[in-house]
Amino acid sequence: MPKCIYQGFPCQNPDYSDFDRTAKNELKTPTSASDIVNDSWFCSTVPTDKNFQIGDLTTSKFLRPMRGKIGIYHLWSEYDHCDDHETHTMQCEYVGKGPPDIRVADHIKNKWMSGVMLYVSFHECKNRLAKYYEQLFLDTYQFKLNTNENNGTKILYAVWDNERFSLGTHMNEISSYSKMDSPDDW
C-alpha cells in the first residue's frame, strides 16, 4: 500500500466539492478549485530570504512573470510528499487577490514565516472574478495567515507533481533574467 494511505494525507484527490458546488450554483461558467490551485498559470518556489536564494535570483525576479497581471494567488507550504505517487501535497496558508507581484512581496516581509519555504500559485482572471473566488475560498477554507472574513473550516490542499513542485511553471523565464533586470530587494 502507498505511504499516503497509511498517513492519511490527500495525495491524490483532495475534495473541492463544497467550493465547486457553490461556484457552479452562483456562476454561469465557473473555474474549478482544482484548476485554480493545481493547474494555475503560474506556480513557483519563491525565495523569502538569502538562505533560499539561488545566485542572483531574488524574490522580485521570481515574481516578475506576474507583473501587471490581475487574479487570485495562493501562498503554500509543503504538507507532505508521496514517494509512491511522486506528488507533493501542499497546504494553503493564504489566499489573496490583486497585483500578485506587489502583494506577495509585501506578504513575505510582513506575514510569511521565517525559514519556511514559500510556494506561490497564481490564477489570472478578471478583478471581479478574483474578488468572488477569494471570498469563496475564505468562506470554504481556513487559512493561517488570513485574518479578515475567513469563516471557512476546511483545509485547502493542492497536489502537484514533482516538476511543478521543483521547477514551477516559469523557471526558464525566471532563470533568464540577468542581474540588471530588476533591483535587488534584499
N, C-alpha and C. Protein backbone atom coordinates (compact mmCIF):
# COMPACT_ATOMS: atom_id res chain seq x y z
N MET A 1 0.83 -1.19 0.00
CA MET A 1 0.00 0.00 0.00
C MET A 1 0.87 1.25 0.00
N PRO A 2 0.41 2.30 -0.69
CA PRO A 2 1.17 3.55 -0.71
C PRO A 2 1.22 4.19 0.67
N LYS A 3 2.31 4.88 0.91
CA LYS A 3 2.55 5.58 2.18
C LYS A 3 1.43 6.57 2.50
N CYS A 4 0.90 7.23 1.48
CA CYS A 4 -0.11 8.27 1.71
C CYS A 4 -1.39 7.69 2.33
N ILE A 5 -1.72 6.46 2.01
CA ILE A 5 -2.92 5.85 2.59
C ILE A 5 -2.73 5.61 4.08
N TYR A 6 -1.55 5.16 4.47
CA TYR A 6 -1.27 4.92 5.89
C TYR A 6 -1.23 6.23 6.68
N GLN A 7 -0.70 7.28 6.07
CA GLN A 7 -0.58 8.55 6.79
C GLN A 7 -1.82 9.42 6.68
N GLY A 8 -2.73 9.08 5.78
CA GLY A 8 -4.00 9.79 5.71
C GLY A 8 -3.94 11.19 5.14
N PHE A 9 -2.96 11.51 4.29
CA PHE A 9 -2.97 12.84 3.69
C PHE A 9 -3.49 12.76 2.26
N PRO A 10 -4.08 13.85 1.76
CA PRO A 10 -4.79 13.82 0.48
C PRO A 10 -3.86 13.92 -0.73
N CYS A 11 -3.12 12.85 -0.98
CA CYS A 11 -2.11 12.89 -2.03
C CYS A 11 -2.68 12.81 -3.44
N GLN A 12 -3.84 12.26 -3.63
CA GLN A 12 -4.33 12.08 -4.99
C GLN A 12 -5.57 12.91 -5.33
N ASN A 13 -6.56 12.91 -4.50
CA ASN A 13 -7.82 13.56 -4.87
C ASN A 13 -8.37 14.41 -3.74
N PRO A 14 -7.80 15.58 -3.51
CA PRO A 14 -8.38 16.45 -2.48
C PRO A 14 -9.84 16.76 -2.83
N ASP A 15 -10.65 16.92 -1.82
CA ASP A 15 -12.08 17.18 -2.02
C ASP A 15 -12.33 18.68 -2.11
N TYR A 16 -12.76 19.11 -3.29
CA TYR A 16 -13.10 20.52 -3.52
C TYR A 16 -14.60 20.69 -3.76
N SER A 17 -15.38 19.69 -3.41
CA SER A 17 -16.80 19.67 -3.79
C SER A 17 -17.60 20.85 -3.23
N ASP A 18 -17.34 21.28 -2.00
CA ASP A 18 -18.09 22.41 -1.44
C ASP A 18 -17.83 23.68 -2.24
N PHE A 19 -16.59 23.96 -2.53
CA PHE A 19 -16.22 25.13 -3.32
C PHE A 19 -16.86 25.05 -4.71
N ASP A 20 -16.66 23.91 -5.39
CA ASP A 20 -17.15 23.76 -6.76
C ASP A 20 -18.67 23.83 -6.84
N ARG A 21 -19.36 23.25 -5.88
CA ARG A 21 -20.83 23.27 -5.87
C ARG A 21 -21.33 24.71 -5.75
N THR A 22 -20.75 25.47 -4.83
CA THR A 22 -21.17 26.87 -4.65
C THR A 22 -20.88 27.68 -5.91
N ALA A 23 -19.69 27.54 -6.47
CA ALA A 23 -19.34 28.28 -7.68
C ALA A 23 -20.27 27.92 -8.83
N LYS A 24 -20.61 26.64 -8.95
CA LYS A 24 -21.50 26.20 -10.03
C LYS A 24 -22.90 26.78 -9.87
N ASN A 25 -23.36 26.92 -8.62
CA ASN A 25 -24.68 27.49 -8.36
C ASN A 25 -24.72 29.00 -8.57
N GLU A 26 -23.58 29.67 -8.44
CA GLU A 26 -23.57 31.14 -8.49
C GLU A 26 -22.98 31.74 -9.76
N LEU A 27 -22.24 30.97 -10.52
CA LEU A 27 -21.60 31.49 -11.74
C LEU A 27 -22.06 30.71 -12.96
N LYS A 28 -22.10 31.38 -14.09
CA LYS A 28 -22.51 30.74 -15.33
C LYS A 28 -21.46 29.73 -15.81
N THR A 29 -20.18 30.13 -15.78
CA THR A 29 -19.09 29.24 -16.21
C THR A 29 -17.95 29.31 -15.19
N PRO A 30 -18.10 28.61 -14.08
CA PRO A 30 -17.08 28.67 -13.02
C PRO A 30 -15.81 27.93 -13.39
N THR A 31 -14.73 28.35 -12.77
CA THR A 31 -13.47 27.62 -12.84
C THR A 31 -13.42 26.75 -11.60
N SER A 32 -13.02 25.51 -11.75
CA SER A 32 -13.00 24.61 -10.60
C SER A 32 -11.85 24.97 -9.66
N ALA A 33 -12.01 24.61 -8.40
CA ALA A 33 -10.95 24.85 -7.42
C ALA A 33 -9.68 24.11 -7.83
N SER A 34 -9.82 22.91 -8.35
CA SER A 34 -8.64 22.16 -8.79
C SER A 34 -7.89 22.88 -9.89
N ASP A 35 -8.62 23.46 -10.85
CA ASP A 35 -7.95 24.21 -11.91
C ASP A 35 -7.22 25.43 -11.34
N ILE A 36 -7.79 26.07 -10.36
CA ILE A 36 -7.18 27.26 -9.77
C ILE A 36 -5.93 26.90 -8.97
N VAL A 37 -5.97 25.84 -8.17
CA VAL A 37 -4.85 25.55 -7.27
C VAL A 37 -3.87 24.52 -7.79
N ASN A 38 -4.30 23.63 -8.67
CA ASN A 38 -3.41 22.57 -9.16
C ASN A 38 -2.90 22.81 -10.58
N ASP A 39 -3.60 23.61 -11.36
CA ASP A 39 -3.24 23.82 -12.76
C ASP A 39 -3.14 25.30 -13.10
N SER A 40 -2.79 26.12 -12.13
CA SER A 40 -2.74 27.56 -12.34
C SER A 40 -1.68 27.94 -13.37
N TRP A 41 -1.86 29.10 -13.96
CA TRP A 41 -0.93 29.62 -14.98
C TRP A 41 0.47 29.79 -14.42
N PHE A 42 0.56 30.25 -13.19
CA PHE A 42 1.86 30.49 -12.56
C PHE A 42 1.97 29.67 -11.28
N CYS A 43 3.12 29.07 -11.10
CA CYS A 43 3.42 28.33 -9.88
C CYS A 43 4.93 28.35 -9.71
N SER A 44 5.41 28.69 -8.51
CA SER A 44 6.85 28.76 -8.32
C SER A 44 7.21 28.75 -6.84
N THR A 45 8.39 28.23 -6.57
CA THR A 45 9.02 28.46 -5.28
C THR A 45 9.49 29.91 -5.32
N VAL A 46 9.40 30.61 -4.22
CA VAL A 46 9.86 32.00 -4.17
C VAL A 46 10.77 32.14 -2.96
N PRO A 47 12.01 32.59 -3.18
CA PRO A 47 12.91 32.74 -2.02
C PRO A 47 12.41 33.84 -1.09
N THR A 48 12.42 33.54 0.20
CA THR A 48 11.92 34.50 1.19
C THR A 48 13.06 35.18 1.95
N ASP A 49 14.24 34.62 1.87
CA ASP A 49 15.42 35.24 2.46
C ASP A 49 16.65 34.71 1.75
N LYS A 50 17.81 35.22 2.09
CA LYS A 50 19.03 34.84 1.40
C LYS A 50 19.36 33.35 1.53
N ASN A 51 18.84 32.68 2.55
CA ASN A 51 19.08 31.25 2.70
C ASN A 51 18.44 30.43 1.58
N PHE A 52 17.35 30.95 1.00
CA PHE A 52 16.65 30.25 -0.07
C PHE A 52 17.03 30.78 -1.46
N GLN A 53 17.79 31.84 -1.52
CA GLN A 53 18.13 32.48 -2.79
C GLN A 53 19.15 31.65 -3.56
N ILE A 54 18.96 31.55 -4.86
CA ILE A 54 19.88 30.84 -5.75
C ILE A 54 20.61 31.89 -6.59
N GLY A 55 21.89 32.08 -6.32
CA GLY A 55 22.67 33.07 -7.07
C GLY A 55 22.04 34.44 -6.98
N ASP A 56 21.83 35.07 -8.14
CA ASP A 56 21.24 36.41 -8.16
C ASP A 56 19.72 36.37 -8.42
N LEU A 57 19.12 35.20 -8.27
CA LEU A 57 17.67 35.09 -8.46
C LEU A 57 16.96 35.50 -7.17
N THR A 58 16.61 36.76 -7.10
CA THR A 58 15.97 37.33 -5.92
C THR A 58 14.45 37.16 -5.97
N THR A 59 13.81 37.50 -4.90
CA THR A 59 12.35 37.42 -4.82
C THR A 59 11.69 38.15 -5.98
N SER A 60 12.13 39.35 -6.29
CA SER A 60 11.49 40.14 -7.34
C SER A 60 11.59 39.45 -8.70
N LYS A 61 12.65 38.73 -8.95
CA LYS A 61 12.79 38.03 -10.23
C LYS A 61 11.82 36.85 -10.31
N PHE A 62 11.61 36.16 -9.21
CA PHE A 62 10.66 35.06 -9.21
C PHE A 62 9.22 35.56 -9.41
N LEU A 63 8.93 36.76 -8.91
CA LEU A 63 7.58 37.30 -9.00
C LEU A 63 7.32 38.05 -10.30
N ARG A 64 8.37 38.34 -11.03
CA ARG A 64 8.28 39.17 -12.24
C ARG A 64 7.29 38.66 -13.30
N PRO A 65 7.17 37.35 -13.57
CA PRO A 65 6.20 36.93 -14.58
C PRO A 65 4.76 37.35 -14.28
N MET A 66 4.46 37.64 -13.02
CA MET A 66 3.10 38.04 -12.64
C MET A 66 2.90 39.56 -12.71
N ARG A 67 3.96 40.30 -12.98
CA ARG A 67 3.88 41.76 -13.00
C ARG A 67 2.81 42.23 -13.99
N GLY A 68 1.95 43.12 -13.52
CA GLY A 68 0.91 43.69 -14.37
C GLY A 68 -0.31 42.81 -14.55
N LYS A 69 -0.36 41.68 -13.91
CA LYS A 69 -1.48 40.75 -14.03
C LYS A 69 -2.45 40.94 -12.87
N ILE A 70 -3.68 40.49 -13.06
CA ILE A 70 -4.71 40.54 -12.03
C ILE A 70 -5.29 39.14 -11.89
N GLY A 71 -5.59 38.76 -10.68
CA GLY A 71 -6.19 37.45 -10.45
C GLY A 71 -6.13 37.08 -8.99
N ILE A 72 -6.12 35.79 -8.73
CA ILE A 72 -6.11 35.28 -7.37
C ILE A 72 -4.83 34.47 -7.16
N TYR A 73 -4.21 34.68 -6.00
CA TYR A 73 -2.97 33.96 -5.70
C TYR A 73 -3.10 33.23 -4.37
N HIS A 74 -2.30 32.19 -4.24
CA HIS A 74 -2.27 31.39 -3.01
C HIS A 74 -0.82 31.26 -2.56
N LEU A 75 -0.59 31.31 -1.26
CA LEU A 75 0.72 31.07 -0.67
C LEU A 75 0.67 29.70 -0.01
N TRP A 76 1.65 28.85 -0.33
CA TRP A 76 1.64 27.45 0.08
C TRP A 76 2.88 27.06 0.85
N SER A 77 2.71 26.07 1.71
CA SER A 77 3.85 25.37 2.32
C SER A 77 3.66 23.89 1.99
N GLU A 78 4.76 23.16 1.98
CA GLU A 78 4.64 21.73 1.69
C GLU A 78 4.08 21.01 2.90
N TYR A 79 3.05 20.23 2.69
CA TYR A 79 2.42 19.45 3.75
C TYR A 79 3.07 18.07 3.83
N ASP A 80 3.23 17.41 2.69
CA ASP A 80 3.85 16.09 2.67
C ASP A 80 4.23 15.72 1.25
N HIS A 81 5.03 14.69 1.13
CA HIS A 81 5.50 14.20 -0.16
C HIS A 81 5.20 12.71 -0.24
N CYS A 82 4.66 12.26 -1.35
CA CYS A 82 4.36 10.85 -1.53
C CYS A 82 5.32 10.27 -2.56
N ASP A 83 6.24 9.44 -2.09
CA ASP A 83 7.20 8.79 -2.99
C ASP A 83 6.50 7.83 -3.94
N ASP A 84 5.45 7.18 -3.49
CA ASP A 84 4.76 6.20 -4.31
C ASP A 84 4.09 6.83 -5.53
N HIS A 85 3.50 8.00 -5.35
CA HIS A 85 2.80 8.68 -6.45
C HIS A 85 3.63 9.81 -7.06
N GLU A 86 4.78 10.09 -6.47
CA GLU A 86 5.65 11.18 -6.92
C GLU A 86 4.88 12.50 -6.98
N THR A 87 4.19 12.78 -5.88
CA THR A 87 3.44 14.03 -5.76
C THR A 87 3.79 14.73 -4.45
N HIS A 88 3.48 16.01 -4.42
CA HIS A 88 3.68 16.83 -3.23
C HIS A 88 2.32 17.42 -2.85
N THR A 89 1.90 17.17 -1.63
CA THR A 89 0.67 17.76 -1.13
C THR A 89 1.04 19.08 -0.47
N MET A 90 0.40 20.14 -0.92
CA MET A 90 0.67 21.49 -0.44
C MET A 90 -0.49 21.95 0.42
N GLN A 91 -0.20 22.71 1.48
CA GLN A 91 -1.24 23.28 2.32
C GLN A 91 -1.24 24.78 2.11
N CYS A 92 -2.42 25.32 1.85
CA CYS A 92 -2.52 26.76 1.59
C CYS A 92 -2.55 27.53 2.91
N GLU A 93 -1.70 28.54 2.99
CA GLU A 93 -1.59 29.38 4.19
C GLU A 93 -2.28 30.73 4.01
N TYR A 94 -2.47 31.15 2.74
CA TYR A 94 -3.03 32.48 2.49
C TYR A 94 -3.63 32.51 1.09
N VAL A 95 -4.75 33.20 0.95
CA VAL A 95 -5.35 33.46 -0.35
C VAL A 95 -5.53 34.96 -0.49
N GLY A 96 -5.27 35.48 -1.68
CA GLY A 96 -5.42 36.92 -1.91
C GLY A 96 -5.70 37.23 -3.36
N LYS A 97 -5.99 38.50 -3.61
CA LYS A 97 -6.26 38.98 -4.97
C LYS A 97 -5.49 40.27 -5.17
N GLY A 98 -5.47 40.72 -6.40
CA GLY A 98 -4.80 41.98 -6.68
C GLY A 98 -3.52 41.77 -7.45
N PRO A 99 -2.68 42.81 -7.52
CA PRO A 99 -1.42 42.67 -8.25
C PRO A 99 -0.48 41.73 -7.49
N PRO A 100 -0.32 40.50 -7.96
CA PRO A 100 0.35 39.47 -7.16
C PRO A 100 1.81 39.75 -6.87
N ASP A 101 2.53 40.34 -7.80
CA ASP A 101 3.96 40.57 -7.54
C ASP A 101 4.15 41.52 -6.36
N ILE A 102 3.36 42.56 -6.29
CA ILE A 102 3.46 43.55 -5.20
C ILE A 102 2.94 42.96 -3.89
N ARG A 103 1.78 42.30 -3.95
CA ARG A 103 1.16 41.77 -2.74
C ARG A 103 1.99 40.64 -2.12
N VAL A 104 2.49 39.72 -2.96
CA VAL A 104 3.28 38.61 -2.43
C VAL A 104 4.57 39.12 -1.80
N ALA A 105 5.24 40.08 -2.44
CA ALA A 105 6.46 40.66 -1.86
C ALA A 105 6.16 41.26 -0.48
N ASP A 106 5.02 41.93 -0.35
CA ASP A 106 4.63 42.51 0.93
C ASP A 106 4.33 41.41 1.96
N HIS A 107 3.67 40.34 1.54
CA HIS A 107 3.37 39.23 2.47
C HIS A 107 4.64 38.56 2.97
N ILE A 108 5.64 38.47 2.10
CA ILE A 108 6.90 37.86 2.52
C ILE A 108 7.51 38.67 3.66
N LYS A 109 7.46 39.98 3.54
CA LYS A 109 8.04 40.85 4.58
C LYS A 109 7.21 40.88 5.85
N ASN A 110 5.88 40.82 5.71
CA ASN A 110 5.01 41.06 6.86
C ASN A 110 4.25 39.87 7.41
N LYS A 111 4.12 38.79 6.64
CA LYS A 111 3.29 37.67 7.09
C LYS A 111 3.98 36.32 7.06
N TRP A 112 4.84 36.08 6.10
CA TRP A 112 5.36 34.73 5.90
C TRP A 112 6.30 34.34 7.03
N MET A 113 6.24 33.08 7.40
CA MET A 113 7.03 32.55 8.50
C MET A 113 8.50 32.43 8.11
N SER A 114 9.37 32.93 8.92
CA SER A 114 10.81 32.88 8.66
C SER A 114 11.29 31.44 8.60
N GLY A 115 12.12 31.15 7.62
CA GLY A 115 12.70 29.83 7.49
C GLY A 115 11.79 28.79 6.86
N VAL A 116 10.61 29.17 6.42
CA VAL A 116 9.68 28.25 5.78
C VAL A 116 9.67 28.55 4.28
N MET A 117 9.93 27.51 3.48
CA MET A 117 9.94 27.68 2.03
C MET A 117 8.56 28.12 1.55
N LEU A 118 8.53 29.10 0.66
CA LEU A 118 7.28 29.64 0.13
C LEU A 118 7.06 29.15 -1.29
N TYR A 119 5.85 28.72 -1.56
CA TYR A 119 5.42 28.36 -2.90
C TYR A 119 4.23 29.25 -3.22
N VAL A 120 4.19 29.76 -4.44
CA VAL A 120 3.13 30.68 -4.86
C VAL A 120 2.46 30.13 -6.11
N SER A 121 1.14 30.15 -6.12
CA SER A 121 0.40 29.86 -7.35
C SER A 121 -0.47 31.07 -7.66
N PHE A 122 -0.70 31.29 -8.95
CA PHE A 122 -1.47 32.45 -9.39
C PHE A 122 -2.36 32.05 -10.55
N HIS A 123 -3.64 32.37 -10.41
CA HIS A 123 -4.64 32.12 -11.45
C HIS A 123 -5.08 33.49 -11.97
N GLU A 124 -4.80 33.76 -13.22
CA GLU A 124 -5.17 35.05 -13.80
C GLU A 124 -6.65 35.04 -14.17
N CYS A 125 -7.35 36.10 -13.77
CA CYS A 125 -8.76 36.27 -14.11
C CYS A 125 -9.13 37.74 -13.92
N LYS A 126 -10.30 38.10 -14.35
CA LYS A 126 -10.77 39.48 -14.18
C LYS A 126 -10.88 39.80 -12.70
N ASN A 127 -10.73 41.08 -12.37
CA ASN A 127 -10.75 41.53 -10.98
C ASN A 127 -12.03 41.12 -10.26
N ARG A 128 -13.18 41.26 -10.92
CA ARG A 128 -14.45 40.91 -10.29
C ARG A 128 -14.49 39.42 -9.93
N LEU A 129 -13.97 38.57 -10.81
CA LEU A 129 -13.92 37.13 -10.52
C LEU A 129 -12.90 36.83 -9.43
N ALA A 130 -11.79 37.56 -9.43
CA ALA A 130 -10.79 37.36 -8.37
C ALA A 130 -11.40 37.66 -7.01
N LYS A 131 -12.18 38.73 -6.92
CA LYS A 131 -12.86 39.07 -5.66
C LYS A 131 -13.82 37.95 -5.26
N TYR A 132 -14.57 37.45 -6.22
CA TYR A 132 -15.53 36.37 -5.94
C TYR A 132 -14.79 35.13 -5.45
N TYR A 133 -13.79 34.68 -6.21
CA TYR A 133 -13.08 33.45 -5.84
C TYR A 133 -12.35 33.60 -4.50
N GLU A 134 -11.76 34.76 -4.25
CA GLU A 134 -11.10 34.96 -2.96
C GLU A 134 -12.10 34.77 -1.83
N GLN A 135 -13.27 35.39 -1.95
CA GLN A 135 -14.27 35.28 -0.88
C GLN A 135 -14.80 33.86 -0.75
N LEU A 136 -14.97 33.17 -1.87
CA LEU A 136 -15.44 31.80 -1.81
C LEU A 136 -14.41 30.89 -1.13
N PHE A 137 -13.13 31.11 -1.44
CA PHE A 137 -12.09 30.35 -0.72
C PHE A 137 -12.13 30.66 0.77
N LEU A 138 -12.28 31.94 1.14
CA LEU A 138 -12.33 32.33 2.55
C LEU A 138 -13.56 31.76 3.26
N ASP A 139 -14.67 31.64 2.54
CA ASP A 139 -15.89 31.09 3.13
C ASP A 139 -15.83 29.57 3.29
N THR A 140 -14.98 28.92 2.49
CA THR A 140 -14.92 27.46 2.49
C THR A 140 -13.76 26.91 3.30
N TYR A 141 -12.62 27.58 3.24
CA TYR A 141 -11.38 27.06 3.85
C TYR A 141 -10.84 28.01 4.90
N GLN A 142 -10.08 27.47 5.84
CA GLN A 142 -9.41 28.31 6.83
C GLN A 142 -7.94 28.47 6.42
N PHE A 143 -7.43 29.67 6.59
CA PHE A 143 -6.06 29.98 6.22
C PHE A 143 -5.37 30.61 7.42
N LYS A 144 -4.19 30.11 7.77
CA LYS A 144 -3.47 30.60 8.94
C LYS A 144 -3.17 32.10 8.86
N LEU A 145 -2.90 32.60 7.66
CA LEU A 145 -2.44 33.98 7.54
C LEU A 145 -3.52 34.97 7.11
N ASN A 146 -4.72 34.48 6.80
CA ASN A 146 -5.84 35.39 6.51
C ASN A 146 -6.57 35.65 7.82
N THR A 147 -6.76 36.91 8.15
CA THR A 147 -7.43 37.23 9.40
C THR A 147 -8.82 37.84 9.18
N ASN A 148 -9.04 38.47 8.05
CA ASN A 148 -10.33 39.11 7.79
C ASN A 148 -11.24 38.21 6.96
N GLU A 149 -12.50 38.14 7.34
CA GLU A 149 -13.53 37.45 6.58
C GLU A 149 -13.21 35.99 6.29
N ASN A 150 -12.42 35.35 7.14
CA ASN A 150 -12.05 33.95 6.94
C ASN A 150 -12.92 33.08 7.84
N ASN A 151 -14.09 32.67 7.31
CA ASN A 151 -15.04 31.89 8.08
C ASN A 151 -15.00 30.40 7.75
N GLY A 152 -14.15 30.00 6.80
CA GLY A 152 -14.10 28.61 6.38
C GLY A 152 -13.54 27.69 7.45
N THR A 153 -13.83 26.42 7.32
CA THR A 153 -13.40 25.44 8.33
C THR A 153 -12.52 24.34 7.75
N LYS A 154 -12.53 24.15 6.46
CA LYS A 154 -11.74 23.08 5.84
C LYS A 154 -10.32 23.57 5.57
N ILE A 155 -9.42 22.64 5.32
CA ILE A 155 -8.05 22.99 4.95
C ILE A 155 -7.91 22.81 3.44
N LEU A 156 -7.34 23.80 2.78
CA LEU A 156 -7.16 23.74 1.33
C LEU A 156 -5.82 23.09 1.00
N TYR A 157 -5.90 21.99 0.26
CA TYR A 157 -4.71 21.29 -0.19
C TYR A 157 -4.64 21.35 -1.71
N ALA A 158 -3.43 21.33 -2.22
CA ALA A 158 -3.18 21.15 -3.65
C ALA A 158 -2.26 19.94 -3.78
N VAL A 159 -2.31 19.30 -4.92
CA VAL A 159 -1.42 18.17 -5.18
C VAL A 159 -0.68 18.46 -6.48
N TRP A 160 0.64 18.60 -6.36
CA TRP A 160 1.48 18.93 -7.50
C TRP A 160 2.43 17.78 -7.80
N ASP A 161 2.70 17.58 -9.08
CA ASP A 161 3.70 16.57 -9.44
C ASP A 161 5.09 17.13 -9.16
N ASN A 162 6.11 16.28 -9.27
CA ASN A 162 7.49 16.69 -8.95
C ASN A 162 7.96 17.88 -9.78
N GLU A 163 7.61 17.91 -11.06
CA GLU A 163 8.06 19.00 -11.93
C GLU A 163 7.46 20.34 -11.50
N ARG A 164 6.18 20.37 -11.27
CA ARG A 164 5.52 21.61 -10.84
C ARG A 164 6.08 22.07 -9.49
N PHE A 165 6.28 21.13 -8.59
CA PHE A 165 6.80 21.43 -7.26
C PHE A 165 8.24 21.96 -7.33
N SER A 166 9.10 21.29 -8.08
CA SER A 166 10.52 21.62 -8.11
C SER A 166 10.87 22.78 -9.05
N LEU A 167 10.25 22.80 -10.21
CA LEU A 167 10.62 23.79 -11.23
C LEU A 167 9.58 24.89 -11.43
N GLY A 168 8.36 24.64 -11.03
CA GLY A 168 7.31 25.62 -11.25
C GLY A 168 6.94 25.68 -12.72
N THR A 169 6.30 26.76 -13.11
CA THR A 169 5.80 26.91 -14.48
C THR A 169 6.61 27.90 -15.30
N HIS A 170 7.47 28.68 -14.68
CA HIS A 170 8.17 29.74 -15.40
C HIS A 170 9.68 29.75 -15.13
N MET A 171 10.26 28.62 -14.76
CA MET A 171 11.67 28.61 -14.37
C MET A 171 12.60 29.05 -15.50
N ASN A 172 12.34 28.65 -16.74
CA ASN A 172 13.19 29.10 -17.84
C ASN A 172 13.18 30.62 -17.97
N GLU A 173 12.00 31.20 -17.87
CA GLU A 173 11.87 32.66 -17.95
C GLU A 173 12.57 33.33 -16.77
N ILE A 174 12.35 32.83 -15.59
CA ILE A 174 12.93 33.41 -14.37
C ILE A 174 14.46 33.32 -14.41
N SER A 175 14.97 32.16 -14.80
CA SER A 175 16.43 31.98 -14.80
C SER A 175 17.12 32.79 -15.88
N SER A 176 16.38 33.28 -16.87
CA SER A 176 17.00 34.07 -17.93
C SER A 176 17.17 35.55 -17.54
N TYR A 177 16.58 35.96 -16.44
CA TYR A 177 16.72 37.35 -16.01
C TYR A 177 18.16 37.61 -15.56
N SER A 178 18.74 38.65 -16.09
CA SER A 178 20.11 39.00 -15.69
C SER A 178 20.07 39.83 -14.41
N LYS A 179 21.22 40.00 -13.82
CA LYS A 179 21.33 40.76 -12.57
C LYS A 179 20.80 42.19 -12.72
N MET A 180 20.82 42.73 -13.93
CA MET A 180 20.42 44.11 -14.15
C MET A 180 18.93 44.25 -14.45
N ASP A 181 18.21 43.14 -14.58
CA ASP A 181 16.80 43.21 -14.94
C ASP A 181 15.91 43.84 -13.88
N SER A 182 16.23 43.62 -12.63
CA SER A 182 15.40 44.18 -11.56
C SER A 182 16.29 44.46 -10.36
N PRO A 183 15.90 45.44 -9.56
CA PRO A 183 16.71 45.77 -8.39
C PRO A 183 16.69 44.65 -7.36
N ASP A 184 17.78 44.55 -6.65
CA ASP A 184 17.86 43.56 -5.57
C ASP A 184 16.95 44.03 -4.44
N ASP A 185 16.04 43.15 -4.01
CA ASP A 185 15.07 43.58 -3.00
C ASP A 185 15.45 43.15 -1.60
N TRP A 186 16.71 42.81 -1.40
CA TRP A 186 17.12 42.41 -0.05
C TRP A 186 17.57 43.60 0.72
